[in-house]
Amino acid sequence: MPGPEWIWVVVVIAVIFGASRLPAMGRNVGLGIKEFKKGIADASSDDDEKREARKSAGPGGTEERGPSA
């Protein structure tokens, strides 16, 4: 959406929500995006740790195995 379309979008949002609430809404959206990215990074690092643990366990998949029934 290049050009004047953005101006209309901003004007409509300002009319609907009020100009005083726009900075708070923008801040909340930014915090939400930041939290989302942090969650993705944490999940990715957890997956990497699990993968490393499986590699160090050897071909059996676990270091300790109980007796088979």
N, C-alpha and C. Protein backbone atom coordinates (compact mmCIF):
# COMPACT_ATOMS: atom_id res chain seq x y z
N MET A 1 0.82 -1.18 0.00
CA MET A 1 0.00 0.00 0.00
C MET A 1 0.87 1.25 0.00
N PRO A 2 1.38 1.62 -1.10
CA PRO A 2 2.21 2.83 -1.14
C PRO A 2 1.35 4.10 -1.19
N GLY A 3 1.95 5.16 -0.73
CA GLY A 3 1.37 6.48 -0.92
C GLY A 3 0.19 6.84 -0.05
N PRO A 4 -0.81 7.48 -0.65
CA PRO A 4 -1.91 8.09 0.10
C PRO A 4 -2.80 7.10 0.84
N GLU A 5 -2.75 5.83 0.46
CA GLU A 5 -3.57 4.84 1.16
C GLU A 5 -3.21 4.78 2.65
N TRP A 6 -1.94 4.89 2.95
CA TRP A 6 -1.50 4.84 4.36
C TRP A 6 -2.07 6.01 5.15
N ILE A 7 -2.14 7.17 4.52
CA ILE A 7 -2.69 8.34 5.20
C ILE A 7 -4.14 8.07 5.59
N TRP A 8 -4.92 7.51 4.68
CA TRP A 8 -6.32 7.21 4.96
C TRP A 8 -6.45 6.16 6.06
N VAL A 9 -5.60 5.17 6.05
CA VAL A 9 -5.65 4.13 7.09
C VAL A 9 -5.39 4.76 8.46
N VAL A 10 -4.37 5.61 8.56
CA VAL A 10 -4.04 6.26 9.82
C VAL A 10 -5.18 7.17 10.28
N VAL A 11 -5.79 7.91 9.37
CA VAL A 11 -6.89 8.80 9.72
C VAL A 11 -8.08 7.99 10.25
N VAL A 12 -8.43 6.91 9.57
CA VAL A 12 -9.56 6.09 10.01
C VAL A 12 -9.28 5.48 11.38
N ILE A 13 -8.09 4.99 11.60
CA ILE A 13 -7.75 4.42 12.92
C ILE A 13 -7.79 5.49 13.99
N ALA A 14 -7.30 6.68 13.69
CA ALA A 14 -7.34 7.78 14.67
C ALA A 14 -8.77 8.16 15.01
N VAL A 15 -9.66 8.15 14.03
CA VAL A 15 -11.06 8.48 14.29
C VAL A 15 -11.72 7.40 15.14
N ILE A 16 -11.44 6.15 14.82
CA ILE A 16 -12.09 5.06 15.54
C ILE A 16 -11.61 4.97 16.98
N PHE A 17 -10.31 4.99 17.19
CA PHE A 17 -9.75 4.75 18.53
C PHE A 17 -9.41 6.03 19.28
N GLY A 18 -9.27 7.14 18.60
CA GLY A 18 -8.88 8.38 19.26
C GLY A 18 -7.37 8.55 19.22
N ALA A 19 -6.94 9.75 18.96
CA ALA A 19 -5.51 10.03 18.80
C ALA A 19 -4.72 9.79 20.09
N SER A 20 -5.35 9.94 21.24
CA SER A 20 -4.61 9.78 22.50
C SER A 20 -4.29 8.31 22.79
N ARG A 21 -5.05 7.38 22.22
CA ARG A 21 -4.82 5.95 22.49
C ARG A 21 -3.85 5.31 21.50
N LEU A 22 -3.54 5.97 20.40
CA LEU A 22 -2.68 5.37 19.38
C LEU A 22 -1.27 5.03 19.89
N PRO A 23 -0.59 5.91 20.64
CA PRO A 23 0.74 5.54 21.12
C PRO A 23 0.73 4.30 22.03
N ALA A 24 -0.27 4.19 22.88
CA ALA A 24 -0.36 3.03 23.76
C ALA A 24 -0.62 1.76 22.96
N MET A 25 -1.46 1.86 21.94
CA MET A 25 -1.73 0.70 21.09
C MET A 25 -0.47 0.26 20.34
N GLY A 26 0.26 1.22 19.83
CA GLY A 26 1.51 0.90 19.14
C GLY A 26 2.52 0.25 20.06
N ARG A 27 2.60 0.75 21.28
CA ARG A 27 3.51 0.18 22.27
C ARG A 27 3.13 -1.26 22.58
N ASN A 28 1.84 -1.51 22.77
CA ASN A 28 1.38 -2.86 23.07
C ASN A 28 1.63 -3.83 21.91
N VAL A 29 1.45 -3.36 20.70
CA VAL A 29 1.74 -4.20 19.53
C VAL A 29 3.23 -4.53 19.49
N GLY A 30 4.06 -3.53 19.75
CA GLY A 30 5.51 -3.75 19.77
C GLY A 30 5.92 -4.75 20.84
N LEU A 31 5.34 -4.63 22.03
CA LEU A 31 5.65 -5.59 23.10
C LEU A 31 5.18 -7.00 22.74
N GLY A 32 4.05 -7.09 22.08
CA GLY A 32 3.55 -8.40 21.66
C GLY A 32 4.47 -9.06 20.65
N ILE A 33 4.95 -8.27 19.70
CA ILE A 33 5.88 -8.81 18.70
C ILE A 33 7.18 -9.24 19.36
N LYS A 34 7.67 -8.43 20.30
CA LYS A 34 8.90 -8.77 21.01
C LYS A 34 8.74 -10.07 21.79
N GLU A 35 7.63 -10.24 22.48
CA GLU A 35 7.37 -11.45 23.26
C GLU A 35 7.25 -12.67 22.33
N PHE A 36 6.62 -12.49 21.19
CA PHE A 36 6.47 -13.57 20.22
C PHE A 36 7.84 -14.03 19.72
N LYS A 37 8.70 -13.09 19.36
CA LYS A 37 10.04 -13.44 18.88
C LYS A 37 10.84 -14.12 19.98
N LYS A 38 10.69 -13.66 21.22
CA LYS A 38 11.40 -14.27 22.34
C LYS A 38 10.94 -15.71 22.53
N GLY A 39 9.64 -15.96 22.42
CA GLY A 39 9.11 -17.31 22.55
C GLY A 39 9.62 -18.23 21.47
N ILE A 40 9.71 -17.73 20.25
CA ILE A 40 10.23 -18.55 19.15
C ILE A 40 11.70 -18.87 19.39
N ALA A 41 12.48 -17.90 19.85
CA ALA A 41 13.90 -18.13 20.11
C ALA A 41 14.08 -19.14 21.24
N ASP A 42 13.27 -19.04 22.29
CA ASP A 42 13.37 -19.98 23.40
C ASP A 42 13.03 -21.40 22.95
N ALA A 43 12.00 -21.54 22.15
CA ALA A 43 11.61 -22.86 21.65
C ALA A 43 12.71 -23.44 20.77
N SER A 44 13.32 -22.60 19.98
CA SER A 44 14.40 -23.06 19.09
C SER A 44 15.60 -23.51 19.90
N SER A 45 15.95 -22.77 20.96
CA SER A 45 17.10 -23.16 21.78
C SER A 45 16.81 -24.44 22.56
N ASP A 46 15.55 -24.63 22.98
CA ASP A 46 15.18 -25.87 23.66
C ASP A 46 15.33 -27.06 22.71
N ASP A 47 14.92 -26.88 21.46
CA ASP A 47 15.06 -27.95 20.48
C ASP A 47 16.53 -28.28 20.24
N ASP A 48 17.37 -27.25 20.18
CA ASP A 48 18.80 -27.48 19.98
C ASP A 48 19.40 -28.25 21.15
N GLU A 49 18.99 -27.92 22.38
CA GLU A 49 19.51 -28.62 23.55
C GLU A 49 19.09 -30.08 23.54
N LYS A 50 17.85 -30.36 23.17
CA LYS A 50 17.38 -31.75 23.09
C LYS A 50 18.14 -32.53 22.04
N ARG A 51 18.41 -31.89 20.91
CA ARG A 51 19.14 -32.53 19.83
C ARG A 51 20.56 -32.88 20.28
N GLU A 52 21.21 -31.96 20.99
CA GLU A 52 22.56 -32.21 21.50
C GLU A 52 22.56 -33.33 22.52
N ALA A 53 21.54 -33.38 23.37
CA ALA A 53 21.46 -34.44 24.38
C ALA A 53 21.31 -35.80 23.71
N ARG A 54 20.55 -35.87 22.64
CA ARG A 54 20.38 -37.14 21.93
C ARG A 54 21.67 -37.57 21.26
N LYS A 55 22.43 -36.60 20.73
CA LYS A 55 23.71 -36.93 20.09
C LYS A 55 24.70 -37.48 21.12
N SER A 56 24.73 -36.88 22.31
CA SER A 56 25.69 -37.31 23.33
C SER A 56 25.27 -38.63 23.96
N ALA A 57 24.00 -39.01 23.85
CA ALA A 57 23.51 -40.25 24.44
C ALA A 57 23.97 -41.46 23.64
N GLY A 58 24.27 -41.26 22.39
CA GLY A 58 24.72 -42.37 21.57
C GLY A 58 23.62 -42.92 20.70
N PRO A 59 23.91 -44.03 20.02
CA PRO A 59 22.94 -44.57 19.07
C PRO A 59 21.71 -45.18 19.72
N GLY A 60 21.76 -45.54 21.00
CA GLY A 60 20.61 -46.14 21.67
C GLY A 60 19.52 -45.13 21.98
N GLY A 61 19.85 -43.87 22.00
CA GLY A 61 18.85 -42.83 22.24
C GLY A 61 18.82 -42.37 23.69
N THR A 62 19.16 -43.24 24.64
CA THR A 62 19.20 -42.86 26.05
C THR A 62 20.45 -43.46 26.67
N GLU A 63 20.93 -42.82 27.71
CA GLU A 63 22.14 -43.31 28.37
C GLU A 63 21.83 -44.48 29.28
N GLU A 64 20.69 -44.42 29.97
CA GLU A 64 20.35 -45.50 30.91
C GLU A 64 19.16 -46.27 30.36
N ARG A 65 19.27 -47.59 30.37
CA ARG A 65 18.16 -48.41 29.93
C ARG A 65 17.88 -49.43 31.01
N GLY A 66 16.61 -49.60 31.30
CA GLY A 66 16.20 -50.58 32.30
C GLY A 66 16.09 -51.96 31.64
N PRO A 67 15.85 -52.97 32.45
CA PRO A 67 15.70 -54.33 31.89
C PRO A 67 14.44 -54.43 31.04
N SER A 68 14.54 -55.17 29.98
CA SER A 68 13.38 -55.35 29.10
C SER A 68 12.45 -56.40 29.67
N ALA A 69 11.17 -56.21 29.50
CA ALA A 69 10.20 -57.14 30.06
C ALA A 69 9.91 -58.26 29.11
